[in-house]
Amino acid sequence: MSDRFHSNEAGHEKYLVLHEFIKEARKKLNHNTWDYLVGATETETTLARNRMALDTVALRPRVLGDVSHVDPGTDFYGHRIRLPVILAPVGSLESFEAGGGASVAKGAGAYGVPFMLSSVSQPGIEETAAAATGPKIFQLYVRGDHDWQDAIAKRVIAAGYDAFAITVDTAHYSRRERDISKRFVKTWRAANTGMDVQAALSWDDVKRFHDKHRIPLILKGIGTGEDAEIAVRHGVEVIYVSNHGGRQLDHGRGSLDVLPEVVQAVAGRAKVMVDGSVSRGTDIVKAVALGADWVGIGRLYLYALAADGAAGVTRMLEILEDEVVKALGLTGVNSFAELNRGHVHHGAPAVGFAHVHSAFPLLKEGY
């Protein structure tokens, strides 16, 4: 197995484990931005269940197979990517680092995974595309009529994006009490209009968009097998299992608990993506073993972005890859294609209280 992880390279000594990005990000971010990053809605139960769902799946390793040539790469719409990972869309990236979406695009491209730009992050469609050197996706919050949507889609296609995502779990904006209790309102939310359009969005709108625009369509925010089935019938190419990182509906299920029923409903007719507190290489292995084609990460790359900009994003992905390679090899496979449900066990006991940073036990209290 080739050694992809070079801890002695110049500049790499600063970050050798993932939790070091969290510590550095906490130093650099103000209290409002930090709470926006780590927080969720109301009781933050869905956020905790995201992590619990991952923690209660155990790996079932097989031994004495030749695992000397582990390759964690996969394909994404004509691109070979180094991990089955997509950097998920996050609003207000510029509040974590001045370059915002452009910095994330650079960091993701330098490493070799796709990045998904949120429609409420700067510097916007064209500028972010110009900074990207790898595959890229645009994600839309629907805030205008069909003409407004079509105008954005035309810009996205002209800028060379590989896929288009519509978020479908934000019909109403949630109550994020960390922000509310401080009377803190993000700038883009204060100026936000068109929530009535998002609330009225229907399957007919999805069909219209899919039929009109020749770009792979992702629906982000699918939470049941029933809706996954409907999405496939409407021609959606990627079913994105997500609960917005626990930031929309409180008391929802953990994403990894939802994944198996979605995979069963889709039955190979579309690609499946999942996110939700994915923080370690073993999390990615579990998700793919349960049927995901790609895995979204959000908070993890935001810590790296806040800590060290584009270079931090790239370095975080390098460390994550090292975790993945070791997890695959020790599970007994050379690639993600060799994984299956037989490599995981549901119902393993959790070993601690699930929270936003429970994947990083070496962090001191207070993060």
Protein backbone atom coordinates (compact mmCIF):
# COMPACT_ATOMS: atom_id res chain seq x y z
CA MET A 1 0.00 0.00 0.00
CA SER A 2 1.46 3.33 -1.04
CA ASP A 3 1.98 5.90 1.70
CA ARG A 4 -0.19 8.87 0.73
CA PHE A 5 0.32 10.62 4.06
CA HIS A 6 3.57 12.53 4.47
CA SER A 7 3.60 14.03 7.95
CA ASN A 8 7.14 15.34 7.61
CA GLU A 9 6.52 17.50 4.56
CA ALA A 10 7.12 21.22 5.07
CA GLY A 11 4.17 22.94 6.71
CA HIS A 12 2.38 19.71 7.61
CA GLU A 13 3.61 19.48 11.17
CA LYS A 14 1.00 22.05 12.27
CA TYR A 15 -1.93 19.71 11.53
CA LEU A 16 -1.47 15.98 12.08
CA VAL A 17 -4.91 15.05 13.47
CA LEU A 18 -8.35 16.39 12.61
CA HIS A 19 -9.24 17.87 15.99
CA GLU A 20 -6.35 20.33 15.66
CA PHE A 21 -8.37 22.21 13.03
CA ILE A 22 -11.23 22.59 15.51
CA LYS A 23 -8.94 24.05 18.16
CA GLU A 24 -7.47 26.57 15.70
CA ALA A 25 -10.88 27.52 14.30
CA ARG A 26 -12.18 28.23 17.81
CA LYS A 27 -9.32 30.68 18.33
CA LYS A 28 -10.05 32.57 15.12
CA LEU A 29 -13.86 32.73 15.05
CA ASN A 30 -15.98 35.12 17.09
CA HIS A 31 -18.67 33.72 19.35
CA ASN A 32 -21.54 34.37 16.92
CA THR A 33 -19.85 32.64 14.00
CA TRP A 34 -18.72 29.75 16.20
CA ASP A 35 -22.26 29.14 17.45
CA TYR A 36 -23.59 29.33 13.90
CA LEU A 37 -21.05 26.67 12.95
CA VAL A 38 -21.52 24.17 15.78
CA GLY A 39 -25.18 24.80 16.59
CA ALA A 40 -28.44 23.34 15.35
CA THR A 41 -32.14 23.88 15.87
CA GLU A 42 -34.03 24.08 19.18
CA THR A 43 -32.94 21.16 21.40
CA GLU A 44 -30.25 20.09 18.88
CA THR A 45 -31.59 16.53 19.11
CA THR A 46 -31.31 15.84 15.38
CA LEU A 47 -27.68 16.91 15.43
CA ALA A 48 -26.94 14.50 18.30
CA ARG A 49 -28.81 11.71 16.51
CA ASN A 50 -26.68 12.23 13.41
CA ARG A 51 -23.63 11.43 15.45
CA MET A 52 -25.36 8.64 17.39
CA ALA A 53 -26.42 6.96 14.14
CA LEU A 54 -22.78 6.81 13.07
CA ASP A 55 -21.53 5.71 16.49
CA THR A 56 -23.95 2.78 16.76
CA VAL A 57 -22.79 1.18 13.52
CA ALA A 58 -19.72 -0.99 14.04
CA LEU A 59 -17.33 -2.33 11.43
CA ARG A 60 -17.00 -6.09 10.80
CA PRO A 61 -13.42 -6.61 9.58
CA ARG A 62 -12.33 -9.51 7.41
CA VAL A 63 -8.72 -10.68 7.60
CA LEU A 64 -6.02 -12.45 5.58
CA GLY A 65 -6.88 -10.85 2.29
CA ASP A 66 -4.21 -8.96 0.36
CA VAL A 67 -4.84 -5.30 1.25
CA SER A 68 -1.49 -3.96 0.12
CA HIS A 69 -2.97 -1.78 -2.64
CA VAL A 70 -5.77 0.26 -1.08
CA ASP A 71 -7.22 2.88 -3.44
CA PRO A 72 -9.97 5.04 -1.86
CA GLY A 73 -10.87 6.84 -5.10
CA THR A 74 -14.14 6.75 -7.02
CA ASP A 75 -15.88 8.47 -9.94
CA PHE A 76 -18.01 11.58 -10.13
CA TYR A 77 -19.59 12.51 -13.47
CA GLY A 78 -16.53 11.84 -15.57
CA HIS A 79 -14.02 12.86 -12.91
CA ARG A 80 -11.83 10.52 -10.90
CA ILE A 81 -11.91 11.81 -7.33
CA ARG A 82 -9.58 10.78 -4.48
CA LEU A 83 -12.33 10.04 -1.97
CA PRO A 84 -16.10 9.50 -2.28
CA VAL A 85 -16.48 12.83 -0.51
CA ILE A 86 -18.21 16.06 -1.53
CA LEU A 87 -17.81 19.28 0.44
CA ALA A 88 -21.40 20.12 1.30
CA PRO A 89 -23.03 23.52 0.69
CA VAL A 90 -22.82 25.98 3.59
CA GLY A 91 -24.19 29.52 3.72
CA SER A 92 -21.96 32.49 4.47
CA LEU A 93 -18.64 30.76 3.83
CA GLU A 94 -17.08 34.20 3.74
CA SER A 95 -17.75 34.56 7.48
CA PHE A 96 -15.28 31.75 8.15
CA GLU A 97 -12.54 32.99 5.80
CA ALA A 98 -12.50 36.02 3.53
CA GLY A 99 -12.20 34.03 0.30
CA GLY A 100 -15.38 32.10 1.07
CA GLY A 101 -16.49 29.77 -1.69
CA ALA A 102 -13.46 30.53 -3.83
CA SER A 103 -11.11 29.36 -1.07
CA VAL A 104 -13.07 26.15 -0.56
CA ALA A 105 -13.10 25.50 -4.32
CA LYS A 106 -9.33 25.95 -4.43
CA GLY A 107 -8.75 23.66 -1.45
CA ALA A 108 -11.07 20.96 -2.76
CA GLY A 109 -9.58 21.14 -6.25
CA ALA A 110 -6.01 21.00 -5.01
CA TYR A 111 -6.84 17.79 -3.18
CA GLY A 112 -9.21 16.23 -5.70
CA VAL A 113 -12.85 16.12 -4.51
CA PRO A 114 -15.98 18.06 -5.56
CA PHE A 115 -17.24 21.16 -3.81
CA MET A 116 -20.87 22.27 -3.63
CA LEU A 117 -21.42 26.05 -3.58
CA SER A 118 -24.41 27.37 -1.64
CA SER A 119 -26.49 30.06 -3.31
CA VAL A 120 -26.12 32.12 -0.11
CA SER A 121 -22.32 32.10 -0.08
CA GLN A 122 -19.93 34.51 -1.72
CA PRO A 123 -18.21 35.25 -4.06
CA GLY A 124 -20.97 33.78 -6.22
CA ILE A 125 -21.44 31.52 -9.21
CA GLU A 126 -18.92 32.80 -11.73
CA GLU A 127 -16.18 33.90 -9.35
CA THR A 128 -16.21 30.60 -7.48
CA ALA A 129 -16.17 28.65 -10.74
CA ALA A 130 -13.15 30.63 -11.88
CA ALA A 131 -11.29 29.61 -8.70
CA ALA A 132 -12.18 25.92 -9.02
CA THR A 133 -9.75 23.40 -10.49
CA GLY A 134 -11.89 20.32 -9.87
CA PRO A 135 -15.53 19.21 -10.11
CA LYS A 136 -18.09 21.64 -8.76
CA ILE A 137 -21.80 21.67 -7.94
CA PHE A 138 -24.19 24.56 -7.36
CA GLN A 139 -26.87 24.38 -4.66
CA LEU A 140 -29.99 26.55 -4.78
CA TYR A 141 -32.42 27.80 -2.19
CA VAL A 142 -35.48 28.57 -4.30
CA ARG A 143 -36.38 32.19 -3.62
CA GLY A 144 -37.90 33.26 -6.94
CA ASP A 145 -40.26 32.23 -9.71
CA HIS A 146 -39.53 29.94 -12.65
CA ASP A 147 -37.87 32.70 -14.67
CA TRP A 148 -35.60 33.49 -11.71
CA GLN A 149 -34.70 29.82 -11.31
CA ASP A 150 -34.04 29.40 -15.04
CA ALA A 151 -31.77 32.45 -15.14
CA ILE A 152 -29.65 31.00 -12.34
CA ALA A 153 -29.54 27.57 -13.98
CA LYS A 154 -28.30 29.11 -17.24
CA ARG A 155 -25.50 30.90 -15.38
CA VAL A 156 -24.54 27.70 -13.56
CA ILE A 157 -24.42 25.66 -16.77
CA ALA A 158 -22.47 28.39 -18.60
CA ALA A 159 -19.94 28.48 -15.74
CA GLY A 160 -19.24 24.77 -16.16
CA TYR A 161 -20.74 23.28 -13.01
CA ASP A 162 -21.08 19.49 -13.09
CA ALA A 163 -24.43 19.21 -11.30
CA PHE A 164 -27.23 21.33 -9.81
CA ALA A 165 -28.70 20.76 -6.34
CA ILE A 166 -32.02 22.03 -5.05
CA THR A 167 -32.48 22.04 -1.29
CA VAL A 168 -35.94 20.76 -0.33
CA ASP A 169 -35.96 20.69 3.48
CA THR A 170 -36.18 24.44 4.12
CA ALA A 171 -39.87 25.20 3.55
CA HIS A 172 -39.71 27.11 6.83
CA TYR A 173 -36.61 28.57 8.44
CA SER A 174 -35.93 26.83 11.74
CA ARG A 175 -35.49 28.23 15.24
CA ARG A 176 -31.77 28.17 15.96
CA GLU A 177 -31.77 29.16 19.57
CA ARG A 178 -28.05 29.77 19.92
CA ASP A 179 -28.52 32.64 17.46
CA ILE A 180 -31.95 33.77 18.66
CA SER A 181 -30.91 34.01 22.30
CA LYS A 182 -28.05 36.35 21.33
CA ARG A 183 -30.26 38.34 18.92
CA PHE A 184 -27.79 37.39 16.19
CA VAL A 185 -29.00 37.32 12.58
CA LYS A 186 -26.75 36.38 9.68
CA THR A 187 -26.47 39.16 7.09
CA TRP A 188 -27.88 37.07 4.24
CA ARG A 189 -30.83 35.98 6.34
CA ALA A 190 -31.70 39.54 7.33
CA ALA A 191 -31.89 40.47 3.65
CA ASN A 192 -33.58 37.24 2.66
CA THR A 193 -36.80 37.30 0.67
CA GLY A 194 -38.79 34.69 -1.18
CA MET A 195 -39.35 32.17 1.61
CA ASP A 196 -42.95 31.90 0.42
CA VAL A 197 -41.65 30.51 -2.86
CA GLN A 198 -39.55 27.88 -1.07
CA ALA A 199 -42.54 26.94 1.11
CA ALA A 200 -44.72 26.44 -1.96
CA LEU A 201 -42.18 24.31 -3.85
CA SER A 202 -43.72 21.09 -5.20
CA TRP A 203 -42.85 17.95 -7.14
CA ASP A 204 -44.27 19.65 -10.23
CA ASP A 205 -41.56 22.32 -9.84
CA VAL A 206 -38.90 19.61 -9.61
CA LYS A 207 -40.18 17.94 -12.79
CA ARG A 208 -40.32 21.26 -14.65
CA PHE A 209 -36.75 22.12 -13.69
CA HIS A 210 -35.43 18.66 -14.52
CA ASP A 211 -37.15 18.59 -17.92
CA LYS A 212 -35.96 22.07 -18.86
CA HIS A 213 -32.28 22.04 -17.89
CA ARG A 214 -29.69 19.58 -19.15
CA ILE A 215 -27.61 19.21 -16.02
CA PRO A 216 -27.67 16.39 -13.45
CA LEU A 217 -30.17 17.26 -10.71
CA ILE A 218 -29.60 16.58 -7.01
CA LEU A 219 -32.36 16.89 -4.42
CA LYS A 220 -30.84 17.72 -1.06
CA GLY A 221 -32.84 17.08 2.09
CA ILE A 222 -34.51 13.73 1.40
CA GLY A 223 -35.41 12.05 4.70
CA THR A 224 -37.57 9.03 3.80
CA GLY A 225 -37.68 6.16 1.38
CA GLU A 226 -41.10 7.36 0.23
CA ASP A 227 -39.75 10.70 -0.97
CA ALA A 228 -36.72 9.02 -2.51
CA GLU A 229 -39.08 6.88 -4.62
CA ILE A 230 -41.00 9.95 -5.79
CA ALA A 231 -37.75 11.77 -6.64
CA VAL A 232 -36.55 8.87 -8.77
CA ARG A 233 -39.87 8.82 -10.62
CA HIS A 234 -39.31 12.50 -11.42
CA GLY A 235 -35.95 11.75 -12.99
CA VAL A 236 -33.72 13.07 -10.19
CA GLU A 237 -30.19 11.79 -10.71
CA VAL A 238 -28.89 12.08 -7.11
CA ILE A 239 -30.90 11.53 -3.92
CA TYR A 240 -29.15 13.48 -1.17
CA VAL A 241 -30.05 12.19 2.30
CA SER A 242 -29.63 15.11 4.69
CA ASN A 243 -31.32 16.84 7.61
CA HIS A 244 -29.31 20.03 7.16
CA GLY A 245 -26.84 19.00 9.84
CA GLY A 246 -29.65 19.02 12.41
CA ARG A 247 -30.33 22.65 11.61
CA GLN A 248 -33.91 22.39 10.29
CA LEU A 249 -36.39 19.91 11.82
CA ASP A 250 -35.72 19.12 15.48
CA HIS A 251 -36.24 15.53 16.69
CA GLY A 252 -35.55 14.02 13.30
CA ARG A 253 -33.67 10.80 12.65
CA GLY A 254 -29.94 10.55 12.19
CA SER A 255 -29.00 10.55 8.51
CA LEU A 256 -27.24 7.19 8.64
CA ASP A 257 -30.41 5.67 10.13
CA VAL A 258 -32.35 6.98 7.12
CA LEU A 259 -29.82 5.84 4.51
CA PRO A 260 -30.74 2.11 4.24
CA GLU A 261 -34.41 2.74 3.46
CA VAL A 262 -33.47 5.33 0.84
CA VAL A 263 -30.97 2.98 -0.79
CA GLN A 264 -33.65 0.27 -0.87
CA ALA A 265 -36.22 2.63 -2.40
CA VAL A 266 -33.83 3.94 -5.04
CA ALA A 267 -32.80 0.39 -6.00
CA GLY A 268 -29.91 1.54 -8.18
CA ARG A 269 -31.98 3.92 -10.31
CA ALA A 270 -30.12 7.00 -9.04
CA LYS A 271 -27.00 7.85 -7.09
CA VAL A 272 -27.31 8.31 -3.34
CA MET A 273 -25.44 10.83 -1.22
CA VAL A 274 -25.57 11.29 2.55
CA ASP A 275 -24.27 13.79 5.11
CA GLY A 276 -24.81 14.42 8.81
CA SER A 277 -21.97 14.77 11.36
CA VAL A 278 -19.51 12.86 9.16
CA SER A 279 -16.22 13.55 10.92
CA ARG A 280 -13.85 10.58 10.55
CA GLY A 281 -12.61 8.17 7.92
CA THR A 282 -14.55 5.34 9.53
CA ASP A 283 -17.76 7.38 9.11
CA ILE A 284 -17.18 7.45 5.35
CA VAL A 285 -16.51 3.70 5.26
CA LYS A 286 -19.75 3.01 7.16
CA ALA A 287 -21.84 5.21 4.87
CA VAL A 288 -20.53 3.63 1.68
CA ALA A 289 -20.94 0.12 3.11
CA LEU A 290 -24.60 1.01 3.70
CA GLY A 291 -25.09 2.06 0.10
CA ALA A 292 -24.03 5.67 -0.30
CA ASP A 293 -22.19 6.58 -3.51
CA TRP A 294 -20.83 9.82 -2.07
CA VAL A 295 -20.59 11.29 1.42
CA GLY A 296 -20.99 14.97 2.25
CA ILE A 297 -18.95 16.70 4.92
CA GLY A 298 -19.76 20.14 6.26
CA ARG A 299 -18.59 21.29 9.67
CA LEU A 300 -15.28 19.43 9.31
CA TYR A 301 -14.13 21.43 6.31
CA LEU A 302 -15.38 24.67 7.88
CA TYR A 303 -13.00 24.16 10.81
CA ALA A 304 -10.16 23.67 8.32
CA LEU A 305 -11.23 26.71 6.28
CA ALA A 306 -11.36 28.94 9.36
CA ALA A 307 -8.04 27.57 10.61
CA ASP A 308 -5.96 27.90 7.46
CA GLY A 309 -8.01 28.86 4.38
CA ALA A 310 -7.73 26.83 1.18
CA ALA A 311 -4.54 25.14 2.38
CA GLY A 312 -6.35 24.03 5.53
CA VAL A 313 -9.12 22.42 3.48
CA THR A 314 -6.59 20.51 1.42
CA ARG A 315 -4.64 19.39 4.48
CA MET A 316 -7.79 18.27 6.27
CA LEU A 317 -8.69 16.07 3.29
CA GLU A 318 -5.20 14.56 3.27
CA ILE A 319 -5.55 13.55 6.93
CA LEU A 320 -9.06 12.26 6.28
CA GLU A 321 -7.74 10.16 3.40
CA ASP A 322 -5.13 8.60 5.66
CA GLU A 323 -7.90 7.63 8.08
CA VAL A 324 -9.95 6.19 5.22
CA VAL A 325 -7.10 4.14 3.74
CA LYS A 326 -6.33 2.59 7.10
CA ALA A 327 -10.01 1.90 7.79
CA LEU A 328 -10.48 0.22 4.42
CA GLY A 329 -7.36 -1.90 4.76
CA LEU A 330 -8.14 -2.96 8.30
CA THR A 331 -11.70 -3.79 7.29
CA GLY A 332 -10.21 -6.12 4.70
CA VAL A 333 -10.83 -4.36 1.38
CA ASN A 334 -8.73 -2.52 -1.19
CA SER A 335 -11.45 -0.16 -2.43
CA PHE A 336 -14.87 1.21 -1.67
CA ALA A 337 -16.26 -0.98 -4.46
CA GLU A 338 -15.46 -4.05 -2.34
CA LEU A 339 -17.49 -2.83 0.65
CA ASN A 340 -20.97 -4.15 1.36
CA ARG A 341 -23.47 -4.37 4.21
CA GLY A 342 -21.67 -7.43 5.53
CA HIS A 343 -18.86 -5.13 6.64
CA VAL A 344 -21.08 -3.29 9.15
CA HIS A 345 -23.14 -4.19 12.21
CA HIS A 346 -26.12 -2.13 13.36
CA GLY A 347 -26.99 -1.72 17.00
CA ALA A 348 -23.53 -1.51 18.50
CA PRO A 349 -23.54 0.21 21.90
CA ALA A 350 -22.49 3.83 21.93
CA VAL A 351 -19.45 4.52 24.08
CA GLY A 352 -20.27 8.07 25.07
CA PHE A 353 -22.73 10.95 24.85
CA ALA A 354 -23.32 12.04 21.24
CA HIS A 355 -22.69 15.71 20.50
CA VAL A 356 -21.21 17.85 17.77
CA HIS A 357 -17.61 16.99 18.71
CA SER A 358 -17.99 13.52 20.20
CA ALA A 359 -15.95 12.11 17.31
CA PHE A 360 -12.95 13.92 18.78
CA PRO A 361 -12.49 12.70 22.37
CA LEU A 362 -9.07 14.32 22.69
CA LEU A 363 -10.61 17.78 22.53
CA LYS A 364 -10.87 19.40 25.93
CA GLU A 365 -14.31 20.32 27.28
CA GLY A 366 -15.79 23.56 26.02
CA TYR A 367 -15.63 22.97 22.29
